[in-house]
Amino acid sequence: AANMGEPQGSMRILVTGGSGLVGRAIQKVVADGAGLPGEDWVFVSSKDADLTDAAETQALFEKVRPTHVIHLAAMVGGLFRNIKYNLDFWRKNVHINDNVLHSAFEVGARKVVSCLSTCIFPDKTTYPIDETMIHNGPPHSSNFGYSYAKRMIDVQNRAYFQQHGCTFTAVIPTNVFGPHDNFNIEDGHVLPGLIHKVHLAKSSGSALTVWGTGKPRRQFIYSLDLAQLFIWVLREYSEVDPIILSVGEEDEVSIQEAAEAVVEAMDFHGEVTFDTTKSDGQFKKTASNRKLRAYLPDFRFTPFKQAVKETCAWFTDNYEQARK
């Protein structure tokens, strides 16, 4: 009933996690002209509401009354923090997701697009991984709390559809990077961590130490490309089943190649070493983007090196304010 008074075609889109890496990218893409007339975009962060709290979440949704939701909010962390706090990651994320989806349902939102992660995929699997394989075995043991909480969004989406006919769906991006990332070395993801490390090595004239062997392979997706795809999913994608948003398998790069791209982008001329006493995590998680390509055969991803250059430039220009 929430949509009765609004003209057909008007959309109020609530974006949770609006101040994070992907939220900021969607804000920028919308501000740069991707928003359509009749679309009202509302970006919220943990400053606006504690989504682990059911009453606060409900109050937020009743105030905004969104017709559409992009749900990005999550408790996240890098590999080393995840290993220590699996219970915290499980509980916080389960609460956030249940509160957001239930509140969206209560206010009559027409569509919710949530964000999953490739870490949810089974640890033992064949490659490339596709959307049908999410629940085919346990995820990697290092961050099982976070992974299972994220998998449950898919379970909820199917249940909301079965019981209420809701169009609640999810996307599964591969390794996202870009401006406004968390560049913390201990607790960030691999690429922003490398960017921060190169910055420090350059300013102190020391060597760059890359954690691990440099051999694991990853598919990296630029946050601004992902933002464009999120907006397409919100408007056009009508399946409940999730969709992987990723560059192709052929664009997978090793951690060593990623480090080289950062070194080149930041014009670093010092020594580069690999600390092989540090954990590598999973060797690869190669995901198939065939489903995406069937829908969008002509989508052009920003070339990896260009995206790394833009991200390094942003980090250097915003060093004081960057999360680190």
C-alpha atoms as a PDB file:
ATOM      1  CA  ALA A   1       0.000   0.000   0.000  1.00  0.00           C
ATOM      2  CA  ALA A   2       3.014   2.281   0.454  1.00  0.00           C
ATOM      3  CA  ASN A   3       3.153   3.070  -3.259  1.00  0.00           C
ATOM      4  CA  MET A   4      -0.494   4.101  -3.712  1.00  0.00           C
ATOM      5  CA  GLY A   5       0.015   7.851  -3.739  1.00  0.00           C
ATOM      6  CA  GLU A   6       3.004   7.959  -6.056  1.00  0.00           C
ATOM      7  CA  PRO A   7       2.834   8.402  -9.819  1.00  0.00           C
ATOM      8  CA  GLN A   8       3.814   5.310 -11.838  1.00  0.00           C
ATOM      9  CA  GLY A   9       7.486   5.300 -12.593  1.00  0.00           C
ATOM     10  CA  SER A  10       8.585   7.402  -9.649  1.00  0.00           C
ATOM     11  CA  MET A  11      11.244   5.611  -7.622  1.00  0.00           C
ATOM     12  CA  ARG A  12      12.664   6.357  -4.209  1.00  0.00           C
ATOM     13  CA  ILE A  13      15.859   4.364  -3.897  1.00  0.00           C
ATOM     14  CA  LEU A  14      17.376   3.804  -0.462  1.00  0.00           C
ATOM     15  CA  VAL A  15      21.048   2.783  -0.506  1.00  0.00           C
ATOM     16  CA  THR A  16      22.338   1.277   2.758  1.00  0.00           C
ATOM     17  CA  GLY A  17      26.098   1.348   3.273  1.00  0.00           C
ATOM     18  CA  GLY A  18      26.003   4.565   1.287  1.00  0.00           C
ATOM     19  CA  SER A  19      29.349   5.883   2.538  1.00  0.00           C
ATOM     20  CA  GLY A  20      31.331   2.741   1.704  1.00  0.00           C
ATOM     21  CA  LEU A  21      33.317   1.830  -1.386  1.00  0.00           C
ATOM     22  CA  VAL A  22      30.362   0.784  -3.556  1.00  0.00           C
ATOM     23  CA  GLY A  23      27.920   3.299  -2.067  1.00  0.00           C
ATOM     24  CA  ARG A  24      30.236   6.200  -2.879  1.00  0.00           C
ATOM     25  CA  ALA A  25      30.715   4.867  -6.404  1.00  0.00           C
ATOM     26  CA  ILE A  26      26.937   4.697  -6.951  1.00  0.00           C
ATOM     27  CA  GLN A  27      26.630   8.254  -5.572  1.00  0.00           C
ATOM     28  CA  LYS A  28      29.237   9.477  -8.043  1.00  0.00           C
ATOM     29  CA  VAL A  29      27.745   7.671 -11.041  1.00  0.00           C
ATOM     30  CA  VAL A  30      24.257   9.004 -10.189  1.00  0.00           C
ATOM     31  CA  ALA A  31      25.624  12.544  -9.712  1.00  0.00           C
ATOM     32  CA  ASP A  32      27.478  12.277 -13.039  1.00  0.00           C
ATOM     33  CA  GLY A  33      24.238  11.688 -14.910  1.00  0.00           C
ATOM     34  CA  ALA A  34      23.220   8.036 -14.465  1.00  0.00           C
ATOM     35  CA  GLY A  35      20.158   8.986 -12.405  1.00  0.00           C
ATOM     36  CA  LEU A  36      16.875   9.270 -14.307  1.00  0.00           C
ATOM     37  CA  PRO A  37      14.082  11.839 -13.876  1.00  0.00           C
ATOM     38  CA  GLY A  38      11.625  10.554 -11.284  1.00  0.00           C
ATOM     39  CA  GLU A  39      14.368   8.780  -9.322  1.00  0.00           C
ATOM     40  CA  ASP A  40      14.998  10.039  -5.808  1.00  0.00           C
ATOM     41  CA  TRP A  41      18.246   8.580  -4.412  1.00  0.00           C
ATOM     42  CA  VAL A  42      18.747   8.430  -0.631  1.00  0.00           C
ATOM     43  CA  PHE A  43      22.155   7.298   0.655  1.00  0.00           C
ATOM     44  CA  VAL A  44      22.464   6.310   4.319  1.00  0.00           C
ATOM     45  CA  SER A  45      25.369   5.125   6.443  1.00  0.00           C
ATOM     46  CA  SER A  46      25.782   3.824   9.992  1.00  0.00           C
ATOM     47  CA  LYS A  47      25.635   7.478  11.150  1.00  0.00           C
ATOM     48  CA  ASP A  48      21.960   7.555  10.090  1.00  0.00           C
ATOM     49  CA  ALA A  49      20.842   4.282  11.667  1.00  0.00           C
ATOM     50  CA  ASP A  50      22.260   1.213  13.372  1.00  0.00           C
ATOM     51  CA  LEU A  51      20.970  -1.529  11.077  1.00  0.00           C
ATOM     52  CA  THR A  52      21.800  -4.233  13.633  1.00  0.00           C
ATOM     53  CA  ASP A  53      18.949  -2.695  15.671  1.00  0.00           C
ATOM     54  CA  ALA A  54      15.494  -3.724  14.413  1.00  0.00           C
ATOM     55  CA  ALA A  55      13.672  -0.645  15.742  1.00  0.00           C
ATOM     56  CA  GLU A  56      16.192   1.809  14.266  1.00  0.00           C
ATOM     57  CA  THR A  57      16.056   0.041  10.916  1.00  0.00           C
ATOM     58  CA  GLN A  58      12.261   0.096  10.908  1.00  0.00           C
ATOM     59  CA  ALA A  59      12.229   3.811  11.790  1.00  0.00           C
ATOM     60  CA  LEU A  60      14.626   4.593   8.941  1.00  0.00           C
ATOM     61  CA  PHE A  61      12.508   2.704   6.407  1.00  0.00           C
ATOM     62  CA  GLU A  62       9.290   4.312   7.658  1.00  0.00           C
ATOM     63  CA  LYS A  63      10.869   7.745   7.300  1.00  0.00           C
ATOM     64  CA  VAL A  64      12.302   7.181   3.787  1.00  0.00           C
ATOM     65  CA  ARG A  65       9.559   4.818   2.532  1.00  0.00           C
ATOM     66  CA  PRO A  66      11.677   3.503  -0.345  1.00  0.00           C
ATOM     67  CA  THR A  67      10.154   1.865  -3.409  1.00  0.00           C
ATOM     68  CA  HIS A  68      13.566   0.290  -4.127  1.00  0.00           C
ATOM     69  CA  VAL A  69      16.538  -0.662  -1.958  1.00  0.00           C
ATOM     70  CA  ILE A  70      20.198  -1.271  -2.748  1.00  0.00           C
ATOM     71  CA  HIS A  71      21.484  -3.062   0.345  1.00  0.00           C
ATOM     72  CA  LEU A  72      25.259  -2.687   0.704  1.00  0.00           C
ATOM     73  CA  ALA A  73      25.611  -2.328   4.482  1.00  0.00           C
ATOM     74  CA  ALA A  74      27.652  -5.053   6.146  1.00  0.00           C
ATOM     75  CA  MET A  75      30.234  -5.632   8.817  1.00  0.00           C
ATOM     76  CA  VAL A  76      33.326  -6.330   6.741  1.00  0.00           C
ATOM     77  CA  GLY A  77      37.023  -6.848   7.329  1.00  0.00           C
ATOM     78  CA  GLY A  78      40.142  -8.232   5.737  1.00  0.00           C
ATOM     79  CA  LEU A  79      41.318 -11.846   5.938  1.00  0.00           C
ATOM     80  CA  PHE A  80      43.196 -11.481   9.212  1.00  0.00           C
ATOM     81  CA  ARG A  81      40.364  -9.853  11.195  1.00  0.00           C
ATOM     82  CA  ASN A  82      37.781 -12.295   9.798  1.00  0.00           C
ATOM     83  CA  ILE A  83      39.744 -15.289  11.088  1.00  0.00           C
ATOM     84  CA  LYS A  84      39.594 -13.952  14.663  1.00  0.00           C
ATOM     85  CA  TYR A  85      35.934 -12.892  14.911  1.00  0.00           C
ATOM     86  CA  ASN A  86      33.783 -15.361  12.980  1.00  0.00           C
ATOM     87  CA  LEU A  87      30.947 -15.204  15.514  1.00  0.00           C
ATOM     88  CA  ASP A  88      30.814 -11.393  15.458  1.00  0.00           C
ATOM     89  CA  PHE A  89      30.756 -11.350  11.657  1.00  0.00           C
ATOM     90  CA  TRP A  90      27.972 -13.933  11.609  1.00  0.00           C
ATOM     91  CA  ARG A  91      25.734 -12.243  14.220  1.00  0.00           C
ATOM     92  CA  LYS A  92      26.113  -8.646  13.047  1.00  0.00           C
ATOM     93  CA  ASN A  93      25.531  -9.451   9.391  1.00  0.00           C
ATOM     94  CA  VAL A  94      22.571 -11.759  10.043  1.00  0.00           C
ATOM     95  CA  HIS A  95      20.940  -8.995  12.107  1.00  0.00           C
ATOM     96  CA  ILE A  96      21.612  -6.316   9.482  1.00  0.00           C
ATOM     97  CA  ASN A  97      20.278  -8.433   6.623  1.00  0.00           C
ATOM     98  CA  ASP A  98      17.183  -9.635   8.454  1.00  0.00           C
ATOM     99  CA  ASN A  99      16.315  -6.108   9.616  1.00  0.00           C
ATOM    100  CA  VAL A 100      16.822  -4.533   6.188  1.00  0.00           C
ATOM    101  CA  LEU A 101      14.872  -7.145   4.213  1.00  0.00           C
ATOM    102  CA  HIS A 102      12.043  -7.276   6.747  1.00  0.00           C
ATOM    103  CA  SER A 103      11.751  -3.472   6.901  1.00  0.00           C
ATOM    104  CA  ALA A 104      11.803  -3.248   3.094  1.00  0.00           C
ATOM    105  CA  PHE A 105       8.980  -5.791   2.992  1.00  0.00           C
ATOM    106  CA  GLU A 106       7.011  -3.961   5.700  1.00  0.00           C
ATOM    107  CA  VAL A 107       7.049  -0.620   3.838  1.00  0.00           C
ATOM    108  CA  GLY A 108       6.114  -2.309   0.554  1.00  0.00           C
ATOM    109  CA  ALA A 109       9.385  -1.817  -1.329  1.00  0.00           C
ATOM    110  CA  ARG A 110       8.998  -3.209  -4.862  1.00  0.00           C
ATOM    111  CA  LYS A 111      12.570  -4.408  -5.237  1.00  0.00           C
ATOM    112  CA  VAL A 112      15.660  -5.021  -3.120  1.00  0.00           C
ATOM    113  CA  VAL A 113      19.115  -5.671  -4.563  1.00  0.00           C
ATOM    114  CA  SER A 114      21.567  -6.957  -1.939  1.00  0.00           C
ATOM    115  CA  CYS A 115      25.306  -7.386  -2.262  1.00  0.00           C
ATOM    116  CA  LEU A 116      26.919 -10.802  -1.735  1.00  0.00           C
ATOM    117  CA  SER A 117      30.599 -11.687  -2.072  1.00  0.00           C
ATOM    118  CA  THR A 118      32.589 -14.346  -3.920  1.00  0.00           C
ATOM    119  CA  CYS A 119      33.896 -15.548  -0.538  1.00  0.00           C
ATOM    120  CA  ILE A 120      30.505 -17.257  -0.121  1.00  0.00           C
ATOM    121  CA  PHE A 121      31.367 -19.836  -2.781  1.00  0.00           C
ATOM    122  CA  PRO A 122      32.288 -23.395  -1.769  1.00  0.00           C
ATOM    123  CA  ASP A 123      35.957 -23.832  -0.899  1.00  0.00           C
ATOM    124  CA  LYS A 124      36.186 -27.132  -2.774  1.00  0.00           C
ATOM    125  CA  THR A 125      34.744 -26.540  -6.214  1.00  0.00           C
ATOM    126  CA  THR A 126      35.252 -26.721  -9.935  1.00  0.00           C
ATOM    127  CA  TYR A 127      36.101 -23.538 -11.844  1.00  0.00           C
ATOM    128  CA  PRO A 128      34.799 -21.246 -13.081  1.00  0.00           C
ATOM    129  CA  ILE A 129      32.190 -20.826 -10.362  1.00  0.00           C
ATOM    130  CA  ASP A 130      28.709 -19.770 -11.452  1.00  0.00           C
ATOM    131  CA  GLU A 131      25.501 -18.613  -9.761  1.00  0.00           C
ATOM    132  CA  THR A 132      24.088 -22.141  -9.394  1.00  0.00           C
ATOM    133  CA  MET A 133      26.969 -23.317  -7.180  1.00  0.00           C
ATOM    134  CA  ILE A 134      26.639 -21.013  -4.158  1.00  0.00           C
ATOM    135  CA  HIS A 135      25.372 -23.652  -1.734  1.00  0.00           C
ATOM    136  CA  ASN A 136      27.300 -26.662  -3.057  1.00  0.00           C
ATOM    137  CA  GLY A 137      29.602 -27.061  -0.049  1.00  0.00           C
ATOM    138  CA  PRO A 138      31.110 -25.193   2.894  1.00  0.00           C
ATOM    139  CA  PRO A 139      32.863 -21.871   2.234  1.00  0.00           C
ATOM    140  CA  HIS A 140      36.548 -21.334   3.056  1.00  0.00           C
ATOM    141  CA  SER A 141      37.078 -21.927   6.787  1.00  0.00           C
ATOM    142  CA  SER A 142      38.924 -18.635   7.393  1.00  0.00           C
ATOM    143  CA  ASN A 143      35.842 -16.379   7.250  1.00  0.00           C
ATOM    144  CA  PHE A 144      32.972 -18.839   7.469  1.00  0.00           C
ATOM    145  CA  GLY A 145      30.909 -16.574   9.758  1.00  0.00           C
ATOM    146  CA  TYR A 146      30.747 -13.743   7.226  1.00  0.00           C
ATOM    147  CA  SER A 147      30.330 -16.143   4.292  1.00  0.00           C
ATOM    148  CA  TYR A 148      27.380 -18.032   5.752  1.00  0.00           C
ATOM    149  CA  ALA A 149      25.672 -14.772   6.782  1.00  0.00           C
ATOM    150  CA  LYS A 150      25.973 -13.548   3.188  1.00  0.00           C
ATOM    151  CA  ARG A 151      24.702 -16.878   1.800  1.00  0.00           C
ATOM    152  CA  MET A 152      21.608 -16.519   3.956  1.00  0.00           C
ATOM    153  CA  ILE A 153      20.571 -13.430   1.957  1.00  0.00           C
ATOM    154  CA  ASP A 154      20.024 -15.763  -0.998  1.00  0.00           C
ATOM    155  CA  VAL A 155      17.942 -18.061   1.220  1.00  0.00           C
ATOM    156  CA  GLN A 156      15.878 -15.076   2.422  1.00  0.00           C
ATOM    157  CA  ASN A 157      15.368 -13.787  -1.132  1.00  0.00           C
ATOM    158  CA  ARG A 158      13.955 -17.136  -2.243  1.00  0.00           C
ATOM    159  CA  ALA A 159      11.722 -17.345   0.832  1.00  0.00           C
ATOM    160  CA  TYR A 160      10.395 -13.787   0.385  1.00  0.00           C
ATOM    161  CA  PHE A 161       9.577 -14.679  -3.209  1.00  0.00           C
ATOM    162  CA  GLN A 162       7.968 -18.009  -2.339  1.00  0.00           C
ATOM    163  CA  GLN A 163       5.874 -16.678   0.531  1.00  0.00           C
ATOM    164  CA  HIS A 164       5.160 -13.103  -0.602  1.00  0.00           C
ATOM    165  CA  GLY A 165       6.107 -12.837  -4.293  1.00  0.00           C
ATOM    166  CA  CYS A 166       8.781 -10.204  -3.556  1.00  0.00           C
ATOM    167  CA  THR A 167      11.449  -9.254  -6.096  1.00  0.00           C
ATOM    168  CA  PHE A 168      14.347  -9.429  -3.656  1.00  0.00           C
ATOM    169  CA  THR A 169      17.570 -10.386  -5.433  1.00  0.00           C
ATOM    170  CA  ALA A 170      21.341 -10.151  -5.028  1.00  0.00           C
ATOM    171  CA  VAL A 171      24.501  -9.497  -6.967  1.00  0.00           C
ATOM    172  CA  ILE A 172      27.854 -11.186  -6.412  1.00  0.00           C
ATOM    173  CA  PRO A 173      30.761  -8.892  -7.279  1.00  0.00           C
ATOM    174  CA  THR A 174      34.317 -10.180  -7.417  1.00  0.00           C
ATOM    175  CA  ASN A 175      37.137  -8.151  -5.764  1.00  0.00           C
ATOM    176  CA  VAL A 176      35.949  -4.536  -5.780  1.00  0.00           C
ATOM    177  CA  PHE A 177      38.386  -1.621  -5.549  1.00  0.00           C
ATOM    178  CA  GLY A 178      38.348   2.119  -6.159  1.00  0.00           C
ATOM    179  CA  PRO A 179      38.153   5.533  -4.460  1.00  0.00           C
ATOM    180  CA  HIS A 180      36.795   5.605  -0.862  1.00  0.00           C
ATOM    181  CA  ASP A 181      37.956   2.043  -0.173  1.00  0.00           C
ATOM    182  CA  ASN A 182      39.359   0.977   3.193  1.00  0.00           C
ATOM    183  CA  PHE A 183      43.117   1.292   2.648  1.00  0.00           C
ATOM    184  CA  ASN A 184      44.031  -0.154   6.050  1.00  0.00           C
ATOM    185  CA  ILE A 185      47.045  -2.443   5.703  1.00  0.00           C
ATOM    186  CA  GLU A 186      46.134  -4.845   8.515  1.00  0.00           C
ATOM    187  CA  ASP A 187      42.441  -4.956   7.845  1.00  0.00           C
ATOM    188  CA  GLY A 188      41.749  -3.841   4.272  1.00  0.00           C
ATOM    189  CA  HIS A 189      41.539  -5.946   1.154  1.00  0.00           C
ATOM    190  CA  VAL A 190      44.546  -6.827  -0.960  1.00  0.00           C
ATOM    191  CA  LEU A 191      44.587  -4.048  -3.572  1.00  0.00           C
ATOM    192  CA  PRO A 192      43.907  -1.027  -1.304  1.00  0.00           C
ATOM    193  CA  GLY A 193      46.404  -2.499   1.174  1.00  0.00           C
ATOM    194  CA  LEU A 194      49.031  -2.630  -1.590  1.00  0.00           C
ATOM    195  CA  ILE A 195      48.275   0.960  -2.613  1.00  0.00           C
ATOM    196  CA  HIS A 196      48.783   2.176   0.968  1.00  0.00           C
ATOM    197  CA  LYS A 197      51.967   0.098   1.340  1.00  0.00           C
ATOM    198  CA  VAL A 198      53.482   1.472  -1.864  1.00  0.00           C
ATOM    199  CA  HIS A 199      52.627   5.005  -0.726  1.00  0.00           C
ATOM    200  CA  LEU A 200      54.420   4.409   2.600  1.00  0.00           C
ATOM    201  CA  ALA A 201      57.407   2.643   1.011  1.00  0.00           C
ATOM    202  CA  LYS A 202      57.769   5.513  -1.434  1.00  0.00           C
ATOM    203  CA  SER A 203      57.612   8.238   1.208  1.00  0.00           C
ATOM    204  CA  SER A 204      60.046   6.449   3.555  1.00  0.00           C
ATOM    205  CA  GLY A 205      62.388   5.240   0.807  1.00  0.00           C
ATOM    206  CA  SER A 206      62.053   1.620   1.962  1.00  0.00           C
ATOM    207  CA  ALA A 207      61.308  -1.660   0.181  1.00  0.00           C
ATOM    208  CA  LEU A 208      57.758  -2.827  -0.588  1.00  0.00           C
ATOM    209  CA  THR A 209      56.848  -6.069   1.154  1.00  0.00           C
ATOM    210  CA  VAL A 210      53.913  -7.933  -0.398  1.00  0.00           C
ATOM    211  CA  TRP A 211      52.277 -10.460   1.936  1.00  0.00           C
ATOM    212  CA  GLY A 212      52.281 -14.024   0.615  1.00  0.00           C
ATOM    213  CA  THR A 213      53.782 -15.498  -2.531  1.00  0.00           C
ATOM    214  CA  GLY A 214      52.083 -13.169  -5.018  1.00  0.00           C
ATOM    215  CA  LYS A 215      50.779 -16.204  -6.901  1.00  0.00           C
ATOM    216  CA  PRO A 216      47.062 -16.268  -5.973  1.00  0.00           C
ATOM    217  CA  ARG A 217      44.780 -14.970  -8.719  1.00  0.00           C
ATOM    218  CA  ARG A 218      41.824 -12.602  -8.452  1.00  0.00           C
ATOM    219  CA  GLN A 219      39.246 -10.910 -10.669  1.00  0.00           C
ATOM    220  CA  PHE A 220      39.184  -7.223  -9.773  1.00  0.00           C
ATOM    221  CA  ILE A 221      36.236  -4.987 -10.630  1.00  0.00           C
ATOM    222  CA  TYR A 222      36.472  -1.190 -10.516  1.00  0.00           C
ATOM    223  CA  SER A 223      33.875   0.305  -8.151  1.00  0.00           C
ATOM    224  CA  LEU A 224      32.631   2.763 -10.790  1.00  0.00           C
ATOM    225  CA  ASP A 225      31.988  -0.084 -13.256  1.00  0.00           C
ATOM    226  CA  LEU A 226      30.204  -2.019 -10.520  1.00  0.00           C
ATOM    227  CA  ALA A 227      28.071   1.057  -9.751  1.00  0.00           C
ATOM    228  CA  GLN A 228      26.856   1.198 -13.370  1.00  0.00           C
ATOM    229  CA  LEU A 229      25.996  -2.508 -13.219  1.00  0.00           C
ATOM    230  CA  PHE A 230      24.153  -2.116  -9.886  1.00  0.00           C
ATOM    231  CA  ILE A 231      21.939   0.554 -11.445  1.00  0.00           C
ATOM    232  CA  TRP A 232      21.229  -1.737 -14.405  1.00  0.00           C
ATOM    233  CA  VAL A 233      20.304  -4.589 -12.020  1.00  0.00           C
ATOM    234  CA  LEU A 234      18.013  -2.286 -10.049  1.00  0.00           C
ATOM    235  CA  ARG A 235      16.128  -1.180 -13.161  1.00  0.00           C
ATOM    236  CA  GLU A 236      16.256  -4.187 -15.488  1.00  0.00           C
ATOM    237  CA  TYR A 237      17.201  -7.480 -13.814  1.00  0.00           C
ATOM    238  CA  SER A 238      14.057  -9.330 -12.742  1.00  0.00           C
ATOM    239  CA  GLU A 239      15.350 -12.697 -11.498  1.00  0.00           C
ATOM    240  CA  VAL A 240      15.414 -13.616  -7.813  1.00  0.00           C
ATOM    241  CA  ASP A 241      18.468 -15.790  -8.447  1.00  0.00           C
ATOM    242  CA  PRO A 242      21.679 -13.821  -7.956  1.00  0.00           C
ATOM    243  CA  ILE A 243      23.944 -12.590 -10.745  1.00  0.00           C
ATOM    244  CA  ILE A 244      27.747 -12.472 -10.680  1.00  0.00           C
ATOM    245  CA  LEU A 245      29.088  -9.021 -11.583  1.00  0.00           C
ATOM    246  CA  SER A 246      32.648  -9.510 -12.730  1.00  0.00           C
ATOM    247  CA  VAL A 247      35.195  -9.069 -15.445  1.00  0.00           C
ATOM    248  CA  GLY A 248      35.739 -12.240 -17.482  1.00  0.00           C
ATOM    249  CA  GLU A 249      37.895 -15.192 -16.470  1.00  0.00           C
ATOM    250  CA  GLU A 250      40.495 -14.016 -18.983  1.00  0.00           C
ATOM    251  CA  ASP A 251      40.951 -10.807 -16.949  1.00  0.00           C
ATOM    252  CA  GLU A 252      42.020 -12.562 -13.754  1.00  0.00           C
ATOM    253  CA  VAL A 253      45.338 -11.191 -12.428  1.00  0.00           C
ATOM    254  CA  SER A 254      47.843 -12.532  -9.910  1.00  0.00           C
ATOM    255  CA  ILE A 255      48.586 -10.603  -6.715  1.00  0.00           C
ATOM    256  CA  GLN A 256      52.072 -10.067  -8.141  1.00  0.00           C
ATOM    257  CA  GLU A 257      50.596  -8.493 -11.305  1.00  0.00           C
ATOM    258  CA  ALA A 258      48.319  -6.338  -9.144  1.00  0.00           C
ATOM    259  CA  ALA A 259      51.345  -5.195  -7.115  1.00  0.00           C
ATOM    260  CA  GLU A 260      53.199  -4.394 -10.353  1.00  0.00           C
ATOM    261  CA  ALA A 261      50.250  -2.292 -11.575  1.00  0.00           C
ATOM    262  CA  VAL A 262      50.288  -0.293  -8.323  1.00  0.00           C
ATOM    263  CA  VAL A 263      54.081   0.103  -8.425  1.00  0.00           C
ATOM    264  CA  GLU A 264      53.800   1.433 -11.977  1.00  0.00           C
ATOM    265  CA  ALA A 265      50.837   3.731 -11.223  1.00  0.00           C
ATOM    266  CA  MET A 266      52.623   5.265  -8.223  1.00  0.00           C
ATOM    267  CA  ASP A 267      55.991   5.458  -9.965  1.00  0.00           C
ATOM    268  CA  PHE A 268      57.716   3.458  -7.213  1.00  0.00           C
ATOM    269  CA  HIS A 269      61.337   2.518  -7.928  1.00  0.00           C
ATOM    270  CA  GLY A 270      62.267   0.695  -4.726  1.00  0.00           C
ATOM    271  CA  GLU A 271      62.772  -3.003  -4.096  1.00  0.00           C
ATOM    272  CA  VAL A 272      59.769  -5.373  -4.062  1.00  0.00           C
ATOM    273  CA  THR A 273      59.871  -8.493  -1.864  1.00  0.00           C
ATOM    274  CA  PHE A 274      57.323 -11.201  -1.022  1.00  0.00           C
ATOM    275  CA  ASP A 275      56.883 -12.333   2.582  1.00  0.00           C
ATOM    276  CA  THR A 276      56.086 -16.007   2.057  1.00  0.00           C
ATOM    277  CA  THR A 277      55.558 -16.583   5.800  1.00  0.00           C
ATOM    278  CA  LYS A 278      52.214 -14.750   5.430  1.00  0.00           C
ATOM    279  CA  SER A 279      49.046 -16.629   4.453  1.00  0.00           C
ATOM    280  CA  ASP A 280      47.942 -16.539   0.813  1.00  0.00           C
ATOM    281  CA  GLY A 281      44.259 -17.248   1.454  1.00  0.00           C
ATOM    282  CA  GLN A 282      42.508 -19.075  -1.381  1.00  0.00           C
ATOM    283  CA  PHE A 283      44.589 -19.573  -4.517  1.00  0.00           C
ATOM    284  CA  LYS A 284      41.755 -18.557  -6.813  1.00  0.00           C
ATOM    285  CA  LYS A 285      37.981 -18.054  -6.851  1.00  0.00           C
ATOM    286  CA  THR A 286      37.497 -17.719 -10.598  1.00  0.00           C
ATOM    287  CA  ALA A 287      33.910 -16.676 -11.299  1.00  0.00           C
ATOM    288  CA  SER A 288      32.047 -16.908 -14.601  1.00  0.00           C
ATOM    289  CA  ASN A 289      30.405 -13.747 -15.927  1.00  0.00           C
ATOM    290  CA  ARG A 290      28.509 -15.610 -18.656  1.00  0.00           C
ATOM    291  CA  LYS A 291      25.105 -14.751 -17.192  1.00  0.00           C
ATOM    292  CA  LEU A 292      26.005 -11.038 -17.104  1.00  0.00           C
ATOM    293  CA  ARG A 293      27.336 -11.206 -20.670  1.00  0.00           C
ATOM    294  CA  ALA A 294      24.121 -12.853 -21.872  1.00  0.00           C
ATOM    295  CA  TYR A 295      22.234  -9.788 -20.594  1.00  0.00           C
ATOM    296  CA  LEU A 296      24.863  -7.132 -21.400  1.00  0.00           C
ATOM    297  CA  PRO A 297      27.156  -8.363 -24.182  1.00  0.00           C
ATOM    298  CA  ASP A 298      28.514  -4.876 -24.883  1.00  0.00           C
ATOM    299  CA  PHE A 299      29.299  -3.607 -21.379  1.00  0.00           C
ATOM    300  CA  ARG A 300      32.828  -2.194 -21.318  1.00  0.00           C
ATOM    301  CA  PHE A 301      34.884  -2.535 -18.157  1.00  0.00           C
ATOM    302  CA  THR A 302      37.530   0.067 -17.330  1.00  0.00           C
ATOM    303  CA  PRO A 303      40.950  -1.475 -18.137  1.00  0.00           C
ATOM    304  CA  PHE A 304      42.588  -2.725 -14.917  1.00  0.00           C
ATOM    305  CA  LYS A 305      45.700  -0.529 -15.154  1.00  0.00           C
ATOM    306  CA  GLN A 306      43.640   2.603 -15.804  1.00  0.00           C
ATOM    307  CA  ALA A 307      41.358   1.833 -12.851  1.00  0.00           C
ATOM    308  CA  VAL A 308      44.405   1.243 -10.617  1.00  0.00           C
ATOM    309  CA  LYS A 309      45.897   4.566 -11.768  1.00  0.00           C
ATOM    310  CA  GLU A 310      42.680   6.432 -10.944  1.00  0.00           C
ATOM    311  CA  THR A 311      42.448   4.746  -7.531  1.00  0.00           C
ATOM    312  CA  CYS A 312      46.094   5.494  -6.679  1.00  0.00           C
ATOM    313  CA  ALA A 313      45.597   9.124  -7.719  1.00  0.00           C
ATOM    314  CA  TRP A 314      42.498   9.384  -5.512  1.00  0.00           C
ATOM    315  CA  PHE A 315      44.360   7.873  -2.538  1.00  0.00           C
ATOM    316  CA  THR A 316      47.332  10.222  -2.953  1.00  0.00           C
ATOM    317  CA  ASP A 317      45.060  13.276  -3.316  1.00  0.00           C
ATOM    318  CA  ASN A 318      42.870  12.282  -0.360  1.00  0.00           C
ATOM    319  CA  TYR A 319      45.489  10.704   1.885  1.00  0.00           C
ATOM    320  CA  GLU A 320      44.404  12.596   5.015  1.00  0.00           C
ATOM    321  CA  GLN A 321      40.684  11.707   4.749  1.00  0.00           C
ATOM    322  CA  ALA A 322      41.071   8.176   3.335  1.00  0.00           C
ATOM    323  CA  ARG A 323      40.097   5.247   5.586  1.00  0.00           C
ATOM    324  CA  LYS A 324      43.397   3.704   6.596  1.00  0.00           C
END
